[in-house]
Protein backbone atom coordinates (compact mmCIF):
# COMPACT_ATOMS: atom_id res chain seq x y z
CA UNK A 1 55.89 0.64 -48.62
CA UNK A 2 58.84 2.15 -46.77
CA UNK A 3 58.26 5.31 -44.79
CA UNK A 4 59.48 8.70 -45.99
CA UNK A 5 62.93 9.72 -44.94
CA UNK A 6 63.73 12.25 -42.27
CA UNK A 7 63.96 15.15 -44.74
CA UNK A 8 61.48 17.90 -45.45
CA UNK A 9 57.96 17.26 -44.09
CA UNK A 10 55.52 15.80 -46.59
CA UNK A 11 53.31 18.22 -48.48
CA UNK A 12 49.58 17.90 -49.10
CA UNK A 13 47.41 17.75 -52.24
CA UNK A 14 43.63 18.02 -51.95
CA UNK A 15 41.67 16.18 -54.64
CA UNK A 16 38.09 17.42 -54.38
CA UNK A 17 37.22 20.86 -53.02
CA UNK A 18 33.65 20.42 -51.88
CA UNK A 19 32.56 20.27 -48.25
CA UNK A 20 35.21 17.76 -47.09
CA UNK A 21 38.14 19.34 -48.90
CA UNK A 22 37.24 23.00 -48.42
CA UNK A 23 35.58 22.98 -44.99
CA UNK A 24 37.37 20.13 -43.20
CA UNK A 25 40.75 19.11 -44.64
CA UNK A 26 42.02 22.58 -45.68
CA UNK A 27 41.27 24.26 -42.30
CA UNK A 28 42.78 21.24 -40.52
CA UNK A 29 46.01 21.55 -42.52
CA UNK A 30 46.03 25.32 -41.86
CA UNK A 31 46.24 24.54 -38.13
CA UNK A 32 49.43 22.56 -38.82
CA UNK A 33 52.07 25.13 -39.87
CA UNK A 34 54.57 22.42 -40.76
CA UNK A 35 52.31 21.29 -43.62
CA UNK A 36 52.42 22.85 -47.10
CA UNK A 37 49.42 22.55 -49.40
CA UNK A 38 51.03 21.87 -52.78
CA UNK A 39 47.85 22.06 -54.84
CA UNK A 40 44.09 21.67 -55.06
CA UNK A 41 42.49 19.51 -57.73
CA UNK A 42 38.85 20.07 -58.66
CA UNK A 43 37.03 20.39 -62.01
CA UNK A 44 35.24 23.44 -60.56
CA UNK A 45 38.59 25.21 -60.15
CA UNK A 46 37.18 28.42 -61.66
CA UNK A 47 34.93 28.94 -58.64
CA UNK A 48 37.55 28.07 -56.03
CA UNK A 49 38.79 30.82 -53.71
CA UNK A 50 41.99 32.68 -54.49
CA UNK A 51 44.56 30.60 -52.62
CA UNK A 52 48.34 30.91 -52.92
CA UNK A 53 48.60 27.38 -54.35
CA UNK A 54 47.95 25.91 -57.82
CA UNK A 55 44.28 25.07 -58.39
CA UNK A 56 43.78 22.76 -61.37
CA UNK A 57 40.99 20.55 -62.77
CA UNK A 58 43.13 17.39 -62.98
CA UNK A 59 45.96 15.97 -60.89
CA UNK A 60 48.18 15.53 -63.95
CA UNK A 61 48.14 19.34 -64.45
CA UNK A 62 49.83 20.16 -61.15
CA UNK A 63 53.41 21.43 -61.45
CA UNK A 64 55.58 18.33 -61.43
CA UNK A 65 57.29 17.67 -58.15
CA UNK A 66 58.37 14.49 -56.43
CA UNK A 67 55.23 12.40 -55.78
CA UNK A 68 57.08 10.73 -52.90
CA UNK A 69 57.02 14.08 -51.13
CA UNK A 70 53.24 14.45 -51.05
CA UNK A 71 50.16 12.98 -49.42
CA UNK A 72 47.00 12.93 -51.55
CA UNK A 73 43.81 13.77 -49.63
CA UNK A 74 40.94 12.12 -51.54
CA UNK A 75 37.88 14.29 -50.85
CA UNK A 76 35.65 13.42 -53.81
CA UNK A 77 32.40 11.40 -53.51
CA UNK A 78 32.93 7.72 -52.59
CA UNK A 79 32.00 6.44 -56.06
CA UNK A 80 35.11 8.20 -57.44
CA UNK A 81 37.62 7.09 -54.78
CA UNK A 82 38.98 4.08 -56.65
CA UNK A 83 39.43 6.06 -59.87
CA UNK A 84 41.24 8.93 -58.10
CA UNK A 85 43.56 6.54 -56.26
CA UNK A 86 44.30 4.66 -59.51
CA UNK A 87 45.08 7.86 -61.43
CA UNK A 88 47.26 9.23 -58.63
CA UNK A 89 49.12 5.93 -58.28
CA UNK A 90 49.82 5.96 -62.03
CA UNK A 91 51.46 9.39 -61.53
CA UNK A 92 53.67 8.02 -58.76
CA UNK A 93 51.81 9.05 -55.60
CA UNK A 94 51.95 6.43 -52.85
CA UNK A 95 50.44 7.99 -49.71
CA UNK A 96 46.72 8.69 -49.35
CA UNK A 97 44.20 9.96 -46.82
CA UNK A 98 40.80 8.90 -48.17
CA UNK A 99 37.49 10.31 -46.95
CA UNK A 100 34.96 7.83 -45.57
CA UNK A 101 33.61 5.51 -46.67
CA UNK A 102 36.60 3.91 -48.39
CA UNK A 103 34.33 3.31 -51.42
CA UNK A 104 30.65 3.22 -52.28
CA UNK A 105 30.64 -0.59 -52.50
CA UNK A 106 32.54 -3.68 -51.47
CA UNK A 107 33.82 -3.98 -55.06
CA UNK A 108 35.16 -0.42 -55.01
CA UNK A 109 36.90 -1.03 -51.69
CA UNK A 110 38.45 -4.23 -53.05
CA UNK A 111 39.70 -2.30 -56.09
CA UNK A 112 41.54 0.18 -53.83
CA UNK A 113 42.96 -2.67 -51.76
CA UNK A 114 44.18 -4.31 -54.96
CA UNK A 115 45.91 -1.10 -56.04
CA UNK A 116 47.52 -0.79 -52.62
CA UNK A 117 48.85 -4.33 -52.83
CA UNK A 118 50.09 -3.97 -56.40
CA UNK A 119 51.66 -0.52 -56.13
CA UNK A 120 52.71 -0.45 -52.47
CA UNK A 121 50.30 2.29 -51.41
CA UNK A 122 49.80 3.52 -47.86
CA UNK A 123 46.12 4.36 -47.28
CA UNK A 124 44.53 5.88 -44.17
CA UNK A 125 40.74 6.30 -44.18
CA UNK A 126 39.02 9.20 -42.45
CA UNK A 127 37.13 7.75 -39.49
CA UNK A 128 37.20 10.63 -37.02
CA UNK A 129 35.56 8.83 -34.13
CA UNK A 130 38.48 6.39 -33.86
CA UNK A 131 40.84 9.30 -33.16
CA UNK A 132 38.72 10.99 -30.53
CA UNK A 133 40.03 11.45 -27.01
CA UNK A 134 36.57 10.27 -26.02
CA UNK A 135 37.21 6.94 -27.76
CA UNK A 136 40.46 6.57 -25.80
CA UNK A 137 38.53 7.01 -22.55
CA UNK A 138 35.74 4.62 -23.58
CA UNK A 139 38.31 1.98 -24.49
CA UNK A 140 40.00 2.38 -21.10
CA UNK A 141 36.65 1.75 -19.40
CA UNK A 142 35.99 -1.32 -21.57
CA UNK A 143 39.43 -2.70 -20.70
CA UNK A 144 38.74 -2.10 -17.01
CA UNK A 145 35.10 -3.22 -16.72
CA UNK A 146 34.92 -5.87 -19.45
CA UNK A 147 32.43 -6.35 -22.30
CA UNK A 148 29.16 -4.44 -21.92
CA UNK A 149 25.64 -5.76 -22.34
CA UNK A 150 24.80 -3.14 -24.97
CA UNK A 151 26.59 -0.48 -27.01
CA UNK A 152 24.56 2.19 -28.78
CA UNK A 153 25.55 5.06 -31.05
CA UNK A 154 23.44 7.82 -32.50
CA UNK A 155 24.06 10.65 -34.90
CA UNK A 156 21.52 13.24 -35.95
CA UNK A 157 21.71 16.49 -37.87
CA UNK A 158 19.84 18.55 -40.44
CA UNK A 159 21.40 17.67 -43.82
CA UNK A 160 18.42 18.35 -46.07
CA UNK A 161 19.79 21.27 -48.10
CA UNK A 162 23.05 19.48 -48.92
CA UNK A 163 21.13 16.36 -49.87
CA UNK A 164 18.81 18.19 -52.25
CA UNK A 165 21.68 20.14 -53.82
CA UNK A 166 23.96 17.13 -54.31
CA UNK A 167 24.69 16.45 -58.02
CA UNK A 168 24.70 12.69 -57.40
CA UNK A 169 22.49 10.90 -54.88
CA UNK A 170 24.02 9.37 -51.76
CA UNK A 171 22.38 7.29 -49.06
CA UNK A 172 22.50 7.47 -45.28
CA UNK A 173 24.78 4.43 -45.33
CA UNK A 174 27.61 6.64 -46.68
CA UNK A 175 27.28 9.70 -44.41
CA UNK A 176 27.69 8.94 -40.69
CA UNK A 177 27.24 5.17 -40.61
CA UNK A 178 30.84 4.48 -41.72
CA UNK A 179 32.11 6.33 -38.63
CA UNK A 180 29.88 4.34 -36.29
CA UNK A 181 30.52 0.92 -37.84
CA UNK A 182 34.27 1.55 -37.76
CA UNK A 183 34.12 2.59 -34.10
CA UNK A 184 32.07 -0.47 -33.10
CA UNK A 185 34.65 -2.79 -34.71
CA UNK A 186 37.53 -0.76 -33.27
CA UNK A 187 36.14 -1.07 -29.74
CA UNK A 188 34.75 -4.61 -29.78
CA UNK A 189 36.63 -6.59 -32.44
CA UNK A 190 36.25 -7.97 -35.94
CA UNK A 191 33.84 -10.82 -35.08
CA UNK A 192 30.80 -9.03 -36.55
CA UNK A 193 27.40 -10.15 -37.78
CA UNK A 194 24.61 -7.97 -39.17
CA UNK A 195 21.31 -8.67 -37.40
CA UNK A 196 18.97 -6.10 -38.91
CA UNK A 197 19.03 -2.99 -41.08
CA UNK A 198 16.48 -0.35 -42.03
CA UNK A 199 16.52 2.90 -43.98
CA UNK A 200 13.94 5.61 -44.69
CA UNK A 201 13.65 7.86 -47.72
CA UNK A 202 13.80 11.63 -47.42
CA UNK A 203 10.71 13.33 -48.88
CA UNK A 204 10.64 17.13 -49.24
CA UNK A 205 7.62 18.39 -51.13
CA UNK A 206 7.69 16.56 -54.46
CA UNK A 207 11.34 15.45 -54.09
CA UNK A 208 12.13 11.97 -52.82
CA UNK A 209 15.72 10.83 -52.12
CA UNK A 210 15.98 7.11 -51.48
CA UNK A 211 17.42 5.95 -48.14
CA UNK A 212 18.54 9.45 -47.19
CA UNK A 213 16.18 10.27 -44.33
CA UNK A 214 17.54 7.88 -41.72
CA UNK A 215 19.28 4.53 -41.29
CA UNK A 216 19.47 1.95 -38.51
CA UNK A 217 21.75 -1.07 -38.00
CA UNK A 218 21.70 -3.82 -35.40
CA UNK A 219 24.95 -5.77 -35.10
CA UNK A 220 26.50 -8.42 -32.93
CA UNK A 221 30.15 -7.43 -32.41
CA UNK A 222 32.48 -9.48 -30.23
CA UNK A 223 29.47 -10.99 -28.46
CA UNK A 224 27.93 -7.57 -27.71
CA UNK A 225 24.64 -6.22 -29.07
CA UNK A 226 25.27 -2.98 -30.96
CA UNK A 227 22.58 -0.54 -32.13
CA UNK A 228 23.52 2.24 -34.57
CA UNK A 229 21.14 4.95 -35.76
CA UNK A 230 21.50 8.00 -38.01
CA UNK A 231 18.89 10.71 -38.64
CA UNK A 232 19.77 13.17 -41.40
CA UNK A 233 16.63 15.30 -41.15
CA UNK A 234 16.72 16.17 -37.46
CA UNK A 235 16.80 19.72 -36.08
CA UNK A 236 18.84 18.33 -33.16
CA UNK A 237 22.55 17.95 -33.91
CA UNK A 238 24.23 15.27 -31.82
CA UNK A 239 26.76 12.44 -31.92
CA UNK A 240 26.98 10.07 -28.99
CA UNK A 241 28.07 6.62 -27.92
CA UNK A 242 26.45 4.88 -24.94
CA UNK A 243 27.89 1.85 -23.15
CA UNK A 244 25.74 -0.12 -20.69
CA UNK A 245 26.99 -2.89 -18.44
CA UNK A 246 24.86 -5.40 -16.54
CA UNK A 247 23.72 -4.00 -13.22
CA UNK A 248 23.00 -0.49 -14.41
CA UNK A 249 26.45 1.06 -14.66
CA UNK A 250 27.34 2.79 -17.88
CA UNK A 251 28.67 5.83 -19.64
CA UNK A 252 27.66 8.16 -22.42
CA UNK A 253 30.07 10.16 -24.52
CA UNK A 254 28.98 13.12 -26.65
CA UNK A 255 31.38 13.81 -29.50
CA UNK A 256 31.83 17.23 -31.02
CA UNK A 257 29.04 17.80 -33.54
CA UNK A 258 30.15 21.21 -34.75
CA UNK A 259 33.48 22.14 -36.35
CA UNK A 260 33.38 25.48 -34.52
CA UNK A 261 33.16 23.78 -31.08
CA UNK A 262 35.72 20.98 -30.88
CA UNK A 263 34.75 19.67 -27.45
CA UNK A 264 33.55 16.26 -26.28
CA UNK A 265 31.96 15.19 -23.00
CA UNK A 266 31.93 11.92 -21.09
CA UNK A 267 29.36 11.12 -18.39
CA UNK A 268 29.53 8.10 -16.04
CA UNK A 269 26.39 6.73 -14.39
CA UNK A 270 25.55 4.03 -11.86
CA UNK A 271 22.31 2.69 -10.41
CA UNK A 272 21.69 4.10 -6.94
CA UNK A 273 24.97 5.99 -7.03
CA UNK A 274 25.75 9.70 -6.89
CA UNK A 275 24.83 12.13 -9.63
CA UNK A 276 26.52 11.33 -12.94
CA UNK A 277 30.12 12.54 -13.16
CA UNK A 278 30.91 14.68 -16.20
CA UNK A 279 34.21 15.34 -17.95
CA UNK A 280 34.62 17.93 -20.75
CA UNK A 281 37.72 18.12 -22.96
CA UNK A 282 38.92 19.60 -26.24
CA UNK A 283 38.70 17.00 -29.01
CA UNK A 284 39.87 17.84 -32.55
CA UNK A 285 39.43 14.38 -34.06
CA UNK A 286 40.36 15.21 -37.66
CA UNK A 287 43.58 16.93 -36.61
CA UNK A 288 44.54 13.92 -34.49
CA UNK A 289 43.85 11.63 -37.44
CA UNK A 290 45.87 13.74 -39.88
CA UNK A 291 48.79 14.12 -37.47
CA UNK A 292 48.93 10.37 -36.83
CA UNK A 293 48.68 9.61 -40.56
CA UNK A 294 51.56 11.95 -41.44
CA UNK A 295 53.65 10.58 -38.56
CA UNK A 296 53.15 7.09 -40.05
CA UNK A 297 53.92 8.25 -43.58
CA UNK A 298 57.10 9.97 -42.36
CA UNK A 299 58.30 7.03 -40.27
CA UNK A 300 57.74 8.79 -36.93
CA UNK A 301 54.83 6.80 -35.56
CA UNK A 302 52.80 3.58 -35.74
CA UNK A 303 50.24 2.73 -38.40
CA UNK A 304 46.93 4.45 -37.56
CA UNK A 305 44.01 2.22 -36.59
CA UNK A 306 41.91 3.42 -39.54
CA UNK A 307 43.59 1.22 -42.14
CA UNK A 308 42.48 -0.68 -45.24
CA UNK A 309 41.75 -3.94 -43.43
CA UNK A 310 39.29 -2.24 -41.08
CA UNK A 311 37.51 -0.37 -43.86
CA UNK A 312 37.22 -3.37 -46.14
CA UNK A 313 35.19 -4.89 -43.32
CA UNK A 314 33.22 -1.65 -42.84
CA UNK A 315 32.35 -1.52 -46.56
CA UNK A 316 31.24 -5.16 -46.51
CA UNK A 317 28.92 -4.50 -43.57
CA UNK A 318 27.50 -1.35 -45.17
CA UNK A 319 26.92 -3.25 -48.42
CA UNK A 320 25.11 -5.99 -46.51
CA UNK A 321 23.01 -3.46 -44.60
CA UNK A 322 21.99 -1.57 -47.75
CA UNK A 323 20.99 -4.83 -49.45
CA UNK A 324 19.07 -6.14 -46.44
CA UNK A 325 17.47 -2.87 -45.32
CA UNK A 326 13.74 -2.84 -44.88
CA UNK A 327 12.02 0.38 -45.84
CA UNK A 328 10.77 2.40 -42.90
CA UNK A 329 8.23 5.19 -43.03
CA UNK A 330 9.70 8.03 -45.13
CA UNK A 331 10.95 11.15 -43.39
CA UNK A 332 8.48 13.64 -44.90
CA UNK A 333 8.99 17.39 -44.57
CA UNK A 334 6.33 19.87 -45.60
CA UNK A 335 7.58 22.93 -47.50
CA UNK A 336 5.74 26.03 -46.31
CA UNK A 337 5.35 29.09 -48.55
């Protein structure tokens, strides 16, 4: 599809006003004064805060404007992504920022890709780690030093309350794993093979949520062994990527794990060398993603890396991992009186 003209900046419509829409996308857009939120779409509109924009239960009920002048932020659960994109496309909308994962299955991702091909849609998928300043620095080191012997990523956080309160069950494959798989492919290439996968249930008292305690993937990407792990019942909140080269040199990057502290850190290490060197920098990954997406939509910048082709591959790998996953010991939490 052709980019928007050089007229008024594109506006924004949020479809879904749960955690992603309310706590991530809306504050991000508020930090960008050139952006206008044209409306919020959520069936729970009655409990939404009093904002100076239309809040409606269905996209078709928004005051009619020019769909070509808006970007639709799809912030509903992954199982609904294809339906939201289809309904919006039928109303004339052509530009989308879709929360990760692109869909809850390979079939859902293919459906969105088919809509994009048929209707000329531009779709950018939220994969924050790709837009991190830390990722830029890691990529520079990979270009300089060559392929590593091992790349590891880990994410951990306490997500138990949100999991138990969710109206529809998710799995750990849809929470942080899409970010890590996308980053591994972004850094090392699209020659990817799944080697092993495992997931553990979350058990809290008498409640059991399948494959929502933790997940683990072992991949071979561009000839490099890649280990990805996610723990969603950990009291320690962290997101890091670790690159190790033969001979003991390496680096570890800690990404921001808290929306109130948008800082990342990179540490270099070497065997027998001086103490590790540390570098700390501000790193608002979602804002960088949104700015690059709007620049592309408005014809002011290149296509962002987080495109449909990448996320079709990510969804395929996540589908394969979920199907192949062996069951680990459940993550069991005792509920004290």
